[in-house]
Amino acid sequence: MTRPEPVAQTGVPRLAPPSGRVHLSFVAAMEEFRAEGRGGADDDTTLGRTLRDYGDKWHDPVVFERYVAEVHEAVHPAEPLSVPVTTLWYADGGNYLGRLAIRHNIATRFLREYGGHIGYDVRPTARRRGHATAMLIDSLPYARALGLTSVLVTCDSDNTGSRKVIESAGGAFDDERGGKLRYWIETGD
């Protein structure tokens, strides 16, 4: 298998299903997350766990393809008690900017209290440019297509940036639980 060629930027970032088109940029983004301390043993986020599982292997195109396939398969999890997840990557052509995960339900206590329906990450060098807000707003039709009329989105109580993102996307504050601010966002008609 050959290494993917970088894809030109289009100037219009978009959410799309994960693909090998952003392989090189994705690997660089994961290194940025690691450089800021993500992926350590105490990082129990999806990104943290994924960095521990794949971080040293993503450079291999075969492993990257397998990872992309696993992300796609999370929509139909093999384990009966797993929550289905649709993951979308936010990219400008071949430039990976971030990812967003939509949980099809919040059937577990953790998700109902703290995790919510939608989680997102923007690579460190792409932050403070409106990408997180655009990603969250652009994800609402996807959530609506899954039958979700409103979604729970949470952030750490001290994460001012994420709070502003959620509020800019129409988040209505519900409450705070265990250091997490909880917001509901209507997905539209």
N, C-alpha and C. Protein backbone atom coordinates (compact mmCIF):
# COMPACT_ATOMS: atom_id res chain seq x y z
N MET A 1 0.84 -1.18 0.00
CA MET A 1 0.00 0.00 0.00
C MET A 1 0.88 1.23 0.00
N THR A 2 0.49 2.23 -0.77
CA THR A 2 1.27 3.45 -0.85
C THR A 2 0.79 4.45 0.18
N ARG A 3 1.68 5.33 0.52
CA ARG A 3 1.36 6.38 1.48
C ARG A 3 0.45 7.41 0.81
N PRO A 4 -0.61 7.89 1.49
CA PRO A 4 -1.52 8.84 0.86
C PRO A 4 -0.84 10.18 0.60
N GLU A 5 -1.22 10.78 -0.49
CA GLU A 5 -0.71 12.11 -0.82
C GLU A 5 -1.53 13.15 -0.06
N PRO A 6 -0.89 14.23 0.38
CA PRO A 6 -1.66 15.30 1.01
C PRO A 6 -2.70 15.85 0.03
N VAL A 7 -3.88 16.16 0.54
CA VAL A 7 -4.95 16.70 -0.29
C VAL A 7 -5.00 18.21 -0.08
N ALA A 8 -5.17 18.94 -1.15
CA ALA A 8 -5.18 20.40 -1.06
C ALA A 8 -6.32 20.89 -0.16
N GLN A 9 -6.07 22.00 0.50
CA GLN A 9 -7.10 22.62 1.31
C GLN A 9 -8.11 23.30 0.40
N THR A 10 -9.35 23.33 0.83
CA THR A 10 -10.42 23.92 0.03
C THR A 10 -10.83 25.28 0.56
N GLY A 11 -10.45 25.60 1.79
CA GLY A 11 -10.87 26.84 2.40
C GLY A 11 -12.20 26.75 3.11
N VAL A 12 -12.89 25.62 2.95
CA VAL A 12 -14.19 25.43 3.60
C VAL A 12 -14.14 24.11 4.38
N PRO A 13 -13.81 24.17 5.67
CA PRO A 13 -13.79 22.94 6.46
C PRO A 13 -15.18 22.30 6.51
N ARG A 14 -15.20 20.98 6.54
CA ARG A 14 -16.47 20.24 6.56
C ARG A 14 -16.36 19.03 7.48
N LEU A 15 -17.51 18.65 8.04
CA LEU A 15 -17.62 17.38 8.74
C LEU A 15 -17.82 16.29 7.70
N ALA A 16 -17.16 15.17 7.89
CA ALA A 16 -17.31 14.04 6.98
C ALA A 16 -16.91 12.77 7.72
N PRO A 17 -17.38 11.64 7.21
CA PRO A 17 -16.95 10.38 7.82
C PRO A 17 -15.43 10.24 7.75
N PRO A 18 -14.82 9.60 8.73
CA PRO A 18 -13.37 9.40 8.71
C PRO A 18 -12.90 8.71 7.43
N SER A 19 -11.75 9.15 6.93
CA SER A 19 -11.19 8.53 5.73
C SER A 19 -9.67 8.69 5.75
N GLY A 20 -9.03 7.94 4.88
CA GLY A 20 -7.59 8.01 4.75
C GLY A 20 -7.08 9.27 4.09
N ARG A 21 -7.98 10.10 3.57
CA ARG A 21 -7.55 11.34 2.89
C ARG A 21 -6.74 12.25 3.80
N VAL A 22 -6.96 12.15 5.10
CA VAL A 22 -6.29 13.07 6.03
C VAL A 22 -5.20 12.38 6.84
N HIS A 23 -4.74 11.22 6.39
CA HIS A 23 -3.82 10.41 7.17
C HIS A 23 -2.65 11.21 7.73
N LEU A 24 -1.89 11.87 6.87
CA LEU A 24 -0.69 12.57 7.33
C LEU A 24 -1.02 13.68 8.31
N SER A 25 -2.05 14.44 8.02
CA SER A 25 -2.46 15.54 8.89
C SER A 25 -3.01 15.01 10.22
N PHE A 26 -3.75 13.90 10.17
CA PHE A 26 -4.28 13.28 11.38
C PHE A 26 -3.15 12.88 12.32
N VAL A 27 -2.13 12.23 11.77
CA VAL A 27 -0.98 11.79 12.59
C VAL A 27 -0.31 13.01 13.23
N ALA A 28 -0.14 14.08 12.46
CA ALA A 28 0.46 15.30 13.00
C ALA A 28 -0.42 15.89 14.11
N ALA A 29 -1.73 15.86 13.93
CA ALA A 29 -2.64 16.38 14.95
C ALA A 29 -2.54 15.56 16.23
N MET A 30 -2.44 14.26 16.11
CA MET A 30 -2.33 13.41 17.30
C MET A 30 -1.04 13.70 18.06
N GLU A 31 0.02 14.02 17.33
CA GLU A 31 1.27 14.41 18.00
C GLU A 31 1.10 15.74 18.74
N GLU A 32 0.31 16.64 18.19
CA GLU A 32 0.02 17.90 18.88
C GLU A 32 -0.72 17.63 20.19
N PHE A 33 -1.71 16.73 20.13
CA PHE A 33 -2.44 16.40 21.36
C PHE A 33 -1.50 15.78 22.39
N ARG A 34 -0.62 14.91 21.95
CA ARG A 34 0.34 14.30 22.88
C ARG A 34 1.25 15.34 23.50
N ALA A 35 1.69 16.29 22.69
CA ALA A 35 2.60 17.33 23.18
C ALA A 35 1.95 18.18 24.27
N GLU A 36 0.62 18.29 24.27
CA GLU A 36 -0.05 19.04 25.32
C GLU A 36 -0.43 18.16 26.50
N GLY A 37 0.02 16.88 26.48
CA GLY A 37 -0.19 16.00 27.62
C GLY A 37 -1.32 15.02 27.51
N ARG A 38 -1.98 14.96 26.36
CA ARG A 38 -3.08 14.03 26.19
C ARG A 38 -2.54 12.61 25.98
N GLY A 39 -3.36 11.63 26.37
CA GLY A 39 -2.99 10.24 26.14
C GLY A 39 -2.26 9.56 27.28
N GLY A 40 -2.03 10.28 28.38
CA GLY A 40 -1.38 9.68 29.54
C GLY A 40 -2.31 8.70 30.24
N ALA A 41 -1.77 7.97 31.18
CA ALA A 41 -2.54 6.94 31.89
C ALA A 41 -3.77 7.52 32.59
N ASP A 42 -3.73 8.79 32.98
CA ASP A 42 -4.85 9.39 33.69
C ASP A 42 -5.86 10.07 32.76
N ASP A 43 -5.61 10.04 31.44
CA ASP A 43 -6.52 10.65 30.46
C ASP A 43 -7.54 9.60 30.05
N ASP A 44 -8.71 9.64 30.68
CA ASP A 44 -9.74 8.64 30.43
C ASP A 44 -10.76 9.10 29.38
N THR A 45 -10.37 10.06 28.56
CA THR A 45 -11.24 10.52 27.49
C THR A 45 -11.11 9.56 26.30
N THR A 46 -12.03 9.68 25.36
CA THR A 46 -11.93 8.88 24.14
C THR A 46 -10.62 9.15 23.43
N LEU A 47 -10.24 10.42 23.33
CA LEU A 47 -8.98 10.76 22.69
C LEU A 47 -7.80 10.15 23.44
N GLY A 48 -7.82 10.24 24.76
CA GLY A 48 -6.72 9.69 25.56
C GLY A 48 -6.56 8.19 25.36
N ARG A 49 -7.67 7.47 25.42
CA ARG A 49 -7.62 6.01 25.23
C ARG A 49 -7.15 5.66 23.83
N THR A 50 -7.62 6.41 22.84
CA THR A 50 -7.23 6.13 21.46
C THR A 50 -5.75 6.41 21.25
N LEU A 51 -5.24 7.47 21.83
CA LEU A 51 -3.81 7.75 21.72
C LEU A 51 -2.97 6.63 22.33
N ARG A 52 -3.42 6.10 23.45
CA ARG A 52 -2.68 4.99 24.07
C ARG A 52 -2.73 3.73 23.20
N ASP A 53 -3.89 3.47 22.59
CA ASP A 53 -4.05 2.26 21.79
C ASP A 53 -3.34 2.34 20.44
N TYR A 54 -3.35 3.50 19.79
CA TYR A 54 -2.87 3.60 18.42
C TYR A 54 -1.72 4.57 18.20
N GLY A 55 -1.43 5.41 19.15
CA GLY A 55 -0.51 6.52 18.95
C GLY A 55 0.81 6.21 18.28
N ASP A 56 1.40 5.07 18.57
CA ASP A 56 2.69 4.73 17.98
C ASP A 56 2.55 3.95 16.68
N LYS A 57 1.30 3.69 16.24
CA LYS A 57 1.08 2.82 15.09
C LYS A 57 0.42 3.52 13.91
N TRP A 58 -0.17 4.70 14.11
CA TRP A 58 -0.93 5.36 13.06
C TRP A 58 -0.12 5.69 11.81
N HIS A 59 1.20 5.85 11.96
CA HIS A 59 2.01 6.20 10.79
C HIS A 59 1.93 5.13 9.69
N ASP A 60 1.66 3.88 10.09
CA ASP A 60 1.53 2.76 9.15
C ASP A 60 0.16 2.86 8.46
N PRO A 61 0.12 3.02 7.13
CA PRO A 61 -1.16 3.17 6.43
C PRO A 61 -2.12 2.00 6.65
N VAL A 62 -1.60 0.80 6.80
CA VAL A 62 -2.47 -0.36 7.03
C VAL A 62 -3.15 -0.24 8.39
N VAL A 63 -2.40 0.13 9.41
CA VAL A 63 -2.97 0.31 10.74
C VAL A 63 -3.96 1.46 10.73
N PHE A 64 -3.63 2.53 10.02
CA PHE A 64 -4.54 3.67 9.96
C PHE A 64 -5.86 3.27 9.30
N GLU A 65 -5.79 2.51 8.21
CA GLU A 65 -7.01 2.03 7.56
C GLU A 65 -7.84 1.18 8.51
N ARG A 66 -7.17 0.33 9.28
CA ARG A 66 -7.88 -0.52 10.25
C ARG A 66 -8.54 0.35 11.31
N TYR A 67 -7.85 1.38 11.77
CA TYR A 67 -8.42 2.30 12.75
C TYR A 67 -9.66 2.99 12.18
N VAL A 68 -9.56 3.50 10.96
CA VAL A 68 -10.70 4.17 10.32
C VAL A 68 -11.89 3.19 10.23
N ALA A 69 -11.62 1.95 9.87
CA ALA A 69 -12.70 0.95 9.79
C ALA A 69 -13.34 0.73 11.16
N GLU A 70 -12.54 0.68 12.22
CA GLU A 70 -13.08 0.51 13.57
C GLU A 70 -13.96 1.69 13.98
N VAL A 71 -13.55 2.88 13.60
CA VAL A 71 -14.35 4.07 13.91
C VAL A 71 -15.70 3.97 13.21
N HIS A 72 -15.69 3.54 11.95
CA HIS A 72 -16.95 3.37 11.21
C HIS A 72 -17.82 2.29 11.84
N GLU A 73 -17.20 1.22 12.31
CA GLU A 73 -17.95 0.10 12.89
C GLU A 73 -18.61 0.46 14.22
N ALA A 74 -18.17 1.53 14.88
CA ALA A 74 -18.75 1.93 16.17
C ALA A 74 -20.22 2.35 16.03
N VAL A 75 -20.66 2.58 14.80
CA VAL A 75 -22.06 2.90 14.56
C VAL A 75 -22.92 1.67 14.87
N HIS A 76 -22.36 0.50 14.67
CA HIS A 76 -23.05 -0.78 14.93
C HIS A 76 -22.15 -1.62 15.82
N PRO A 77 -22.06 -1.30 17.12
CA PRO A 77 -21.13 -2.01 17.99
C PRO A 77 -21.47 -3.50 18.12
N ALA A 78 -20.41 -4.29 18.20
CA ALA A 78 -20.58 -5.74 18.33
C ALA A 78 -21.09 -6.12 19.72
N GLU A 79 -20.71 -5.35 20.73
CA GLU A 79 -21.13 -5.65 22.09
C GLU A 79 -22.54 -5.10 22.32
N PRO A 80 -23.45 -5.94 22.80
CA PRO A 80 -24.85 -5.52 22.92
C PRO A 80 -25.08 -4.32 23.84
N LEU A 81 -24.26 -4.10 24.82
CA LEU A 81 -24.49 -2.99 25.75
C LEU A 81 -23.75 -1.71 25.35
N SER A 82 -23.01 -1.75 24.26
CA SER A 82 -22.27 -0.56 23.81
C SER A 82 -23.23 0.43 23.17
N VAL A 83 -22.92 1.71 23.34
CA VAL A 83 -23.72 2.77 22.75
C VAL A 83 -23.20 3.03 21.34
N PRO A 84 -24.07 3.01 20.33
CA PRO A 84 -23.63 3.33 18.97
C PRO A 84 -23.11 4.76 18.89
N VAL A 85 -22.04 4.96 18.12
CA VAL A 85 -21.42 6.27 17.99
C VAL A 85 -21.12 6.55 16.52
N THR A 86 -21.56 7.70 16.05
CA THR A 86 -21.18 8.19 14.73
C THR A 86 -20.07 9.20 14.93
N THR A 87 -18.91 8.94 14.34
CA THR A 87 -17.78 9.86 14.43
C THR A 87 -17.61 10.57 13.10
N LEU A 88 -17.44 11.86 13.17
CA LEU A 88 -17.19 12.69 11.99
C LEU A 88 -15.89 13.44 12.20
N TRP A 89 -15.12 13.54 11.14
CA TRP A 89 -13.89 14.32 11.21
C TRP A 89 -14.12 15.66 10.52
N TYR A 90 -13.53 16.69 11.08
CA TYR A 90 -13.64 18.03 10.54
C TYR A 90 -12.33 18.33 9.83
N ALA A 91 -12.41 18.57 8.53
CA ALA A 91 -11.19 18.77 7.76
C ALA A 91 -11.41 19.81 6.68
N ASP A 92 -10.32 20.42 6.29
CA ASP A 92 -10.28 21.33 5.17
C ASP A 92 -9.43 20.62 4.11
N GLY A 93 -10.10 19.96 3.18
CA GLY A 93 -9.38 19.13 2.21
C GLY A 93 -8.65 18.02 2.96
N GLY A 94 -7.34 17.98 2.83
CA GLY A 94 -6.55 16.97 3.52
C GLY A 94 -6.03 17.40 4.87
N ASN A 95 -6.47 18.55 5.36
CA ASN A 95 -5.99 19.07 6.64
C ASN A 95 -6.99 18.73 7.75
N TYR A 96 -6.62 17.76 8.58
CA TYR A 96 -7.46 17.34 9.70
C TYR A 96 -7.45 18.43 10.77
N LEU A 97 -8.66 18.88 11.17
CA LEU A 97 -8.78 19.94 12.17
C LEU A 97 -9.35 19.44 13.49
N GLY A 98 -10.16 18.38 13.45
CA GLY A 98 -10.75 17.88 14.68
C GLY A 98 -11.72 16.75 14.41
N ARG A 99 -12.33 16.29 15.50
CA ARG A 99 -13.31 15.21 15.38
C ARG A 99 -14.48 15.50 16.30
N LEU A 100 -15.61 14.91 15.94
CA LEU A 100 -16.82 15.05 16.73
C LEU A 100 -17.50 13.69 16.75
N ALA A 101 -17.94 13.28 17.93
CA ALA A 101 -18.62 12.00 18.08
C ALA A 101 -20.04 12.24 18.56
N ILE A 102 -20.99 11.61 17.88
CA ILE A 102 -22.40 11.70 18.27
C ILE A 102 -22.82 10.34 18.80
N ARG A 103 -23.13 10.30 20.09
CA ARG A 103 -23.64 9.06 20.69
C ARG A 103 -25.13 8.99 20.40
N HIS A 104 -25.56 7.87 19.87
CA HIS A 104 -26.94 7.73 19.42
C HIS A 104 -27.94 7.74 20.56
N ASN A 105 -27.47 7.47 21.76
CA ASN A 105 -28.31 7.55 22.95
C ASN A 105 -27.42 7.80 24.16
N ILE A 106 -28.03 8.15 25.24
CA ILE A 106 -27.27 8.34 26.49
C ILE A 106 -27.83 7.36 27.52
N ALA A 107 -27.76 6.08 27.15
CA ALA A 107 -28.38 5.02 27.95
C ALA A 107 -27.62 4.67 29.23
N THR A 108 -26.37 5.10 29.33
CA THR A 108 -25.63 4.79 30.55
C THR A 108 -25.72 5.96 31.52
N ARG A 109 -25.57 5.67 32.79
CA ARG A 109 -25.61 6.73 33.80
C ARG A 109 -24.52 7.77 33.53
N PHE A 110 -23.32 7.31 33.19
CA PHE A 110 -22.22 8.24 32.93
C PHE A 110 -22.59 9.21 31.80
N LEU A 111 -23.12 8.70 30.71
CA LEU A 111 -23.48 9.57 29.60
C LEU A 111 -24.61 10.52 29.97
N ARG A 112 -25.60 10.04 30.71
CA ARG A 112 -26.72 10.90 31.12
C ARG A 112 -26.26 12.01 32.05
N GLU A 113 -25.31 11.71 32.92
CA GLU A 113 -24.87 12.69 33.91
C GLU A 113 -23.72 13.58 33.42
N TYR A 114 -22.75 12.98 32.72
CA TYR A 114 -21.51 13.70 32.44
C TYR A 114 -21.08 13.74 30.98
N GLY A 115 -21.32 12.67 30.24
CA GLY A 115 -20.76 12.57 28.89
C GLY A 115 -21.58 13.22 27.80
N GLY A 116 -22.90 13.05 27.87
CA GLY A 116 -23.78 13.64 26.88
C GLY A 116 -23.78 12.92 25.54
N HIS A 117 -24.48 13.52 24.59
CA HIS A 117 -24.60 12.96 23.25
C HIS A 117 -23.41 13.27 22.36
N ILE A 118 -22.83 14.45 22.52
CA ILE A 118 -21.80 14.90 21.58
C ILE A 118 -20.52 15.28 22.34
N GLY A 119 -19.41 14.79 21.81
CA GLY A 119 -18.09 15.17 22.30
C GLY A 119 -17.25 15.59 21.12
N TYR A 120 -16.33 16.49 21.34
CA TYR A 120 -15.51 16.98 20.22
C TYR A 120 -14.12 17.38 20.71
N ASP A 121 -13.17 17.36 19.78
CA ASP A 121 -11.80 17.81 20.02
C ASP A 121 -11.32 18.56 18.79
N VAL A 122 -10.65 19.68 18.99
CA VAL A 122 -10.02 20.43 17.91
C VAL A 122 -8.52 20.37 18.14
N ARG A 123 -7.76 20.07 17.09
CA ARG A 123 -6.31 19.97 17.25
C ARG A 123 -5.76 21.30 17.78
N PRO A 124 -4.75 21.24 18.62
CA PRO A 124 -4.25 22.46 19.27
C PRO A 124 -3.91 23.62 18.33
N THR A 125 -3.29 23.35 17.18
CA THR A 125 -2.90 24.45 16.30
C THR A 125 -4.08 25.03 15.51
N ALA A 126 -5.27 24.44 15.65
CA ALA A 126 -6.45 24.95 14.93
C ALA A 126 -7.47 25.59 15.88
N ARG A 127 -7.12 25.72 17.15
CA ARG A 127 -8.07 26.26 18.12
C ARG A 127 -8.19 27.77 17.99
N ARG A 128 -9.27 28.29 18.58
CA ARG A 128 -9.57 29.73 18.64
C ARG A 128 -9.79 30.34 17.25
N ARG A 129 -10.34 29.51 16.36
CA ARG A 129 -10.66 29.98 15.01
C ARG A 129 -12.12 29.71 14.65
N GLY A 130 -12.91 29.28 15.64
CA GLY A 130 -14.32 29.02 15.40
C GLY A 130 -14.64 27.61 14.93
N HIS A 131 -13.63 26.74 14.84
CA HIS A 131 -13.86 25.39 14.34
C HIS A 131 -14.79 24.58 15.25
N ALA A 132 -14.59 24.67 16.55
CA ALA A 132 -15.42 23.87 17.47
C ALA A 132 -16.89 24.28 17.35
N THR A 133 -17.14 25.57 17.28
CA THR A 133 -18.52 26.04 17.14
C THR A 133 -19.11 25.57 15.82
N ALA A 134 -18.35 25.70 14.75
CA ALA A 134 -18.84 25.26 13.44
C ALA A 134 -19.10 23.75 13.44
N MET A 135 -18.20 22.98 14.03
CA MET A 135 -18.39 21.54 14.10
C MET A 135 -19.67 21.19 14.84
N LEU A 136 -19.86 21.80 15.99
CA LEU A 136 -21.03 21.49 16.81
C LEU A 136 -22.32 21.87 16.07
N ILE A 137 -22.36 23.05 15.50
CA ILE A 137 -23.55 23.47 14.76
C ILE A 137 -23.78 22.55 13.56
N ASP A 138 -22.72 22.23 12.83
CA ASP A 138 -22.85 21.38 11.64
C ASP A 138 -23.25 19.95 11.99
N SER A 139 -23.04 19.53 13.24
CA SER A 139 -23.38 18.16 13.63
C SER A 139 -24.87 18.00 13.96
N LEU A 140 -25.57 19.10 14.19
CA LEU A 140 -26.97 19.01 14.62
C LEU A 140 -27.88 18.32 13.60
N PRO A 141 -27.73 18.58 12.30
CA PRO A 141 -28.55 17.81 11.35
C PRO A 141 -28.25 16.31 11.38
N TYR A 142 -27.01 15.94 11.61
CA TYR A 142 -26.67 14.52 11.73
C TYR A 142 -27.40 13.91 12.93
N ALA A 143 -27.38 14.64 14.06
CA ALA A 143 -28.06 14.16 15.26
C ALA A 143 -29.57 14.05 15.00
N ARG A 144 -30.12 15.03 14.31
CA ARG A 144 -31.54 15.02 13.98
C ARG A 144 -31.88 13.80 13.12
N ALA A 145 -31.01 13.49 12.16
CA ALA A 145 -31.22 12.33 11.29
C ALA A 145 -31.20 11.02 12.08
N LEU A 146 -30.54 11.03 13.23
CA LEU A 146 -30.51 9.84 14.10
C LEU A 146 -31.76 9.77 14.98
N GLY A 147 -32.63 10.76 14.87
CA GLY A 147 -33.86 10.78 15.66
C GLY A 147 -33.74 11.56 16.96
N LEU A 148 -32.65 12.27 17.14
CA LEU A 148 -32.46 13.05 18.36
C LEU A 148 -33.01 14.46 18.16
N THR A 149 -34.04 14.81 18.90
CA THR A 149 -34.62 16.15 18.76
C THR A 149 -33.86 17.19 19.58
N SER A 150 -33.16 16.73 20.60
CA SER A 150 -32.26 17.59 21.36
C SER A 150 -31.11 16.73 21.84
N VAL A 151 -29.98 17.38 22.06
CA VAL A 151 -28.79 16.65 22.49
C VAL A 151 -28.21 17.28 23.75
N LEU A 152 -27.68 16.43 24.59
CA LEU A 152 -26.98 16.88 25.79
C LEU A 152 -25.50 17.03 25.44
N VAL A 153 -24.96 18.22 25.72
CA VAL A 153 -23.54 18.49 25.50
C VAL A 153 -22.98 19.02 26.80
N THR A 154 -21.85 18.48 27.24
CA THR A 154 -21.27 18.87 28.52
C THR A 154 -19.86 19.39 28.34
N CYS A 155 -19.39 20.10 29.35
CA CYS A 155 -17.99 20.52 29.39
C CYS A 155 -17.59 20.69 30.86
N ASP A 156 -16.30 20.65 31.09
CA ASP A 156 -15.80 20.89 32.44
C ASP A 156 -16.20 22.29 32.87
N SER A 157 -16.52 22.45 34.14
CA SER A 157 -17.01 23.74 34.63
C SER A 157 -15.98 24.86 34.48
N ASP A 158 -14.69 24.51 34.40
CA ASP A 158 -13.66 25.53 34.24
C ASP A 158 -13.20 25.72 32.79
N ASN A 159 -13.89 25.09 31.84
CA ASN A 159 -13.52 25.19 30.43
C ASN A 159 -14.35 26.29 29.77
N THR A 160 -13.90 27.51 29.92
CA THR A 160 -14.62 28.67 29.39
C THR A 160 -14.79 28.60 27.89
N GLY A 161 -13.76 28.17 27.17
CA GLY A 161 -13.84 28.08 25.71
C GLY A 161 -14.94 27.14 25.27
N SER A 162 -14.99 25.96 25.86
CA SER A 162 -16.01 24.99 25.49
C SER A 162 -17.41 25.47 25.88
N ARG A 163 -17.51 26.12 27.02
CA ARG A 163 -18.80 26.68 27.44
C ARG A 163 -19.30 27.67 26.39
N LYS A 164 -18.43 28.54 25.91
CA LYS A 164 -18.81 29.52 24.89
C LYS A 164 -19.20 28.85 23.58
N VAL A 165 -18.50 27.76 23.23
CA VAL A 165 -18.84 27.01 22.02
C VAL A 165 -20.26 26.48 22.12
N ILE A 166 -20.55 25.83 23.24
CA ILE A 166 -21.87 25.21 23.42
C ILE A 166 -22.96 26.28 23.42
N GLU A 167 -22.72 27.38 24.10
CA GLU A 167 -23.72 28.45 24.13
C GLU A 167 -23.91 29.07 22.75
N SER A 168 -22.82 29.23 21.99
CA SER A 168 -22.91 29.78 20.64
C SER A 168 -23.69 28.86 19.70
N ALA A 169 -23.69 27.57 20.01
CA ALA A 169 -24.42 26.59 19.18
C ALA A 169 -25.87 26.45 19.63
N GLY A 170 -26.29 27.28 20.58
CA GLY A 170 -27.68 27.25 21.03
C GLY A 170 -27.91 26.48 22.31
N GLY A 171 -26.84 26.13 23.01
CA GLY A 171 -26.98 25.37 24.24
C GLY A 171 -27.71 26.12 25.33
N ALA A 172 -28.71 25.47 25.91
CA ALA A 172 -29.46 26.03 27.03
C ALA A 172 -28.96 25.34 28.30
N PHE A 173 -28.44 26.12 29.23
CA PHE A 173 -27.88 25.56 30.46
C PHE A 173 -28.94 24.80 31.24
N ASP A 174 -28.58 23.60 31.66
CA ASP A 174 -29.48 22.77 32.47
C ASP A 174 -29.03 22.80 33.92
N ASP A 175 -27.82 22.26 34.18
CA ASP A 175 -27.30 22.27 35.55
C ASP A 175 -25.82 21.89 35.55
N GLU A 176 -25.25 21.81 36.74
CA GLU A 176 -23.87 21.38 36.90
C GLU A 176 -23.87 20.14 37.78
N ARG A 177 -23.13 19.13 37.35
CA ARG A 177 -23.03 17.88 38.09
C ARG A 177 -21.59 17.40 38.06
N GLY A 178 -21.04 17.21 39.23
CA GLY A 178 -19.70 16.65 39.33
C GLY A 178 -18.65 17.40 38.53
N GLY A 179 -18.72 18.71 38.52
CA GLY A 179 -17.73 19.51 37.80
C GLY A 179 -18.00 19.63 36.31
N LYS A 180 -19.17 19.16 35.86
CA LYS A 180 -19.55 19.26 34.45
C LYS A 180 -20.75 20.18 34.30
N LEU A 181 -20.65 21.12 33.38
CA LEU A 181 -21.79 21.95 33.00
C LEU A 181 -22.57 21.18 31.95
N ARG A 182 -23.90 21.15 32.09
CA ARG A 182 -24.75 20.38 31.19
C ARG A 182 -25.67 21.31 30.42
N TYR A 183 -25.67 21.16 29.11
CA TYR A 183 -26.48 22.00 28.22
C TYR A 183 -27.30 21.11 27.28
N TRP A 184 -28.49 21.57 26.93
CA TRP A 184 -29.31 20.92 25.91
C TRP A 184 -29.37 21.82 24.69
N ILE A 185 -29.24 21.20 23.52
CA ILE A 185 -29.33 21.91 22.25
C ILE A 185 -30.38 21.24 21.39
N GLU A 186 -31.32 22.04 20.89
CA GLU A 186 -32.33 21.54 19.96
C GLU A 186 -31.65 21.26 18.62
N THR A 187 -32.02 20.17 17.96
CA THR A 187 -31.38 19.80 16.70
C THR A 187 -32.06 20.38 15.48
N GLY A 188 -33.18 21.05 15.64
CA GLY A 188 -33.87 21.69 14.52
C GLY A 188 -35.07 20.90 14.06
N ASP A 189 -35.70 21.44 13.02
CA ASP A 189 -36.91 20.82 12.48
C ASP A 189 -36.61 19.83 11.39
